[in-house]
Amino acid sequence: MDAYLHSLIIFAIAGNIVALPLILLGRRFGLGCHPIEYLALYINWLVFVLLVGSVFTDLNEAMVKLEVGDTELNLVFGIAGVLSGLSFLPKILFSKAKANSILITCMTSIFITIIYSKFAVLAFLFTVEGV
């Protein structure tokens, strides 16, 4: 299976396992989920794939050059999915505030993407021999 599709499937499964209960919990507080908020869930995957694409030609080449197997790929994108799914949490925590819930979710997703990308890039840098 192609590494992009494999990573997207693992990311989507992990992200939805965390995000769907938070969306349902948000409905108890009278908060709906806009489709843009749900699409913001996948910003993390897109940025990580673009980061890999900026260093290597594609994700498959990165796996070969860094000697990363499917298990490590599942772990990296599974953690990214769980963290992205948590981007709905501040919307629930700040449900009493008069703030735009779409803005809160999108900003949280972007902040999680920045933080996770820094740690993931550092982890991949330390897998290269000689660092």
Protein backbone atom coordinates (compact mmCIF):
# COMPACT_ATOMS: atom_id res chain seq x y z
CA MET A 1 0.00 0.00 0.00
CA ASP A 2 1.21 3.50 -0.78
CA ALA A 3 2.70 5.26 2.24
CA TYR A 4 0.52 8.35 1.75
CA LEU A 5 -2.70 6.35 1.80
CA HIS A 6 -1.45 4.23 4.68
CA SER A 7 -0.56 7.29 6.74
CA LEU A 8 -3.87 9.00 5.96
CA ILE A 9 -5.87 5.92 7.02
CA ILE A 10 -3.99 5.59 10.32
CA PHE A 11 -4.27 9.33 10.94
CA ALA A 12 -8.00 9.36 10.18
CA ILE A 13 -8.75 6.38 12.42
CA ALA A 14 -6.81 7.78 15.38
CA GLY A 15 -8.13 11.30 14.88
CA ASN A 16 -11.76 10.22 14.58
CA ILE A 17 -11.56 7.97 17.65
CA VAL A 18 -10.69 11.07 19.67
CA ALA A 19 -12.66 13.73 17.76
CA LEU A 20 -16.05 12.04 17.45
CA PRO A 21 -16.65 11.68 21.22
CA LEU A 22 -15.59 15.32 21.65
CA ILE A 23 -18.02 16.39 18.92
CA LEU A 24 -20.81 14.43 20.59
CA LEU A 25 -19.87 15.91 23.96
CA GLY A 26 -19.98 19.36 22.41
CA ARG A 27 -23.57 18.78 21.35
CA ARG A 28 -24.49 18.46 25.03
CA PHE A 29 -23.24 22.01 25.47
CA GLY A 30 -25.21 23.17 22.44
CA LEU A 31 -22.17 23.34 20.17
CA GLY A 32 -22.45 22.16 16.61
CA CYS A 33 -19.56 21.05 14.43
CA HIS A 34 -19.08 22.99 11.22
CA PRO A 35 -17.54 21.04 8.29
CA ILE A 36 -14.61 23.47 8.24
CA GLU A 37 -13.81 22.48 11.82
CA TYR A 38 -13.77 18.83 10.84
CA LEU A 39 -11.49 19.57 7.88
CA ALA A 40 -9.14 21.45 10.23
CA LEU A 41 -8.52 18.07 11.81
CA TYR A 42 -6.48 17.07 8.76
CA ILE A 43 -4.18 20.12 8.72
CA ASN A 44 -1.65 18.20 10.82
CA TRP A 45 -1.43 15.35 8.30
CA LEU A 46 -1.11 17.73 5.38
CA VAL A 47 1.65 19.80 6.97
CA PHE A 48 3.60 16.73 8.02
CA VAL A 49 3.41 15.26 4.50
CA LEU A 50 4.51 18.61 3.07
CA LEU A 51 7.45 18.73 5.49
CA VAL A 52 8.56 15.27 4.42
CA GLY A 53 8.09 16.30 0.79
CA SER A 54 10.30 19.33 1.27
CA VAL A 55 13.24 17.19 2.42
CA PHE A 56 12.67 14.03 0.37
CA THR A 57 10.93 13.51 -2.95
CA ASP A 58 8.09 11.59 -1.31
CA LEU A 59 7.10 9.68 1.80
CA ASN A 60 8.12 6.31 0.35
CA GLU A 61 11.67 7.54 -0.27
CA ALA A 62 11.82 8.98 3.25
CA MET A 63 10.86 5.61 4.71
CA VAL A 64 13.59 3.87 2.71
CA LYS A 65 16.33 6.42 3.42
CA LEU A 66 15.55 6.70 7.13
CA GLU A 67 14.96 2.95 7.40
CA VAL A 68 11.54 3.54 8.93
CA GLY A 69 9.08 0.65 8.80
CA ASP A 70 5.31 0.53 8.78
CA THR A 71 5.19 0.30 12.57
CA GLU A 72 7.04 3.58 13.04
CA LEU A 73 4.88 5.21 10.36
CA ASN A 74 1.76 4.02 12.17
CA LEU A 75 3.11 5.37 15.46
CA VAL A 76 4.01 8.80 14.08
CA PHE A 77 0.73 9.35 12.26
CA GLY A 78 -1.33 7.73 15.02
CA ILE A 79 0.04 10.18 17.56
CA ALA A 80 -0.57 13.02 15.11
CA GLY A 81 -4.16 11.86 14.68
CA VAL A 82 -4.80 11.71 18.41
CA LEU A 83 -3.36 15.19 18.93
CA SER A 84 -5.40 16.55 16.02
CA GLY A 85 -8.53 15.01 17.44
CA LEU A 86 -7.89 16.91 20.66
CA SER A 87 -8.24 20.18 18.76
CA PHE A 88 -11.99 20.05 19.52
CA LEU A 89 -11.36 20.13 23.27
CA PRO A 90 -10.87 23.92 23.70
CA LYS A 91 -14.18 24.51 21.93
CA ILE A 92 -15.88 22.55 24.71
CA LEU A 93 -13.81 24.13 27.48
CA PHE A 94 -14.62 27.65 26.28
CA SER A 95 -18.27 26.92 25.48
CA LYS A 96 -19.46 29.66 27.88
CA ALA A 97 -17.29 32.30 26.24
CA LYS A 98 -18.68 34.46 23.47
CA ALA A 99 -16.10 33.35 20.91
CA ASN A 100 -16.31 31.90 17.45
CA SER A 101 -16.03 28.11 17.83
CA ILE A 102 -14.72 27.67 14.28
CA LEU A 103 -11.90 30.08 15.02
CA ILE A 104 -11.05 28.34 18.29
CA THR A 105 -10.91 24.90 16.66
CA CYS A 106 -8.88 26.07 13.67
CA MET A 107 -6.40 27.97 15.81
CA THR A 108 -5.99 25.00 18.13
CA SER A 109 -5.41 22.71 15.17
CA ILE A 110 -2.75 25.03 13.77
CA PHE A 111 -0.98 25.31 17.15
CA ILE A 112 -1.03 21.52 17.59
CA THR A 113 0.37 21.15 14.07
CA ILE A 114 3.25 23.52 14.77
CA ILE A 115 4.16 21.87 18.07
CA TYR A 116 3.86 18.32 16.74
CA SER A 117 5.81 19.11 13.56
CA LYS A 118 8.72 20.42 15.59
CA PHE A 119 8.89 17.27 17.71
CA ALA A 120 8.39 14.92 14.77
CA VAL A 121 11.08 16.60 12.69
CA LEU A 122 13.47 16.39 15.63
CA ALA A 123 12.64 12.71 16.05
CA PHE A 124 13.35 12.05 12.38
CA LEU A 125 16.60 14.04 12.54
CA PHE A 126 17.86 11.88 15.38
CA THR A 127 17.13 8.70 13.42
CA VAL A 128 19.69 9.72 10.79
CA GLU A 129 23.12 8.32 11.57
CA GLY A 130 25.76 10.83 12.51
CA VAL A 131 23.52 13.31 14.27
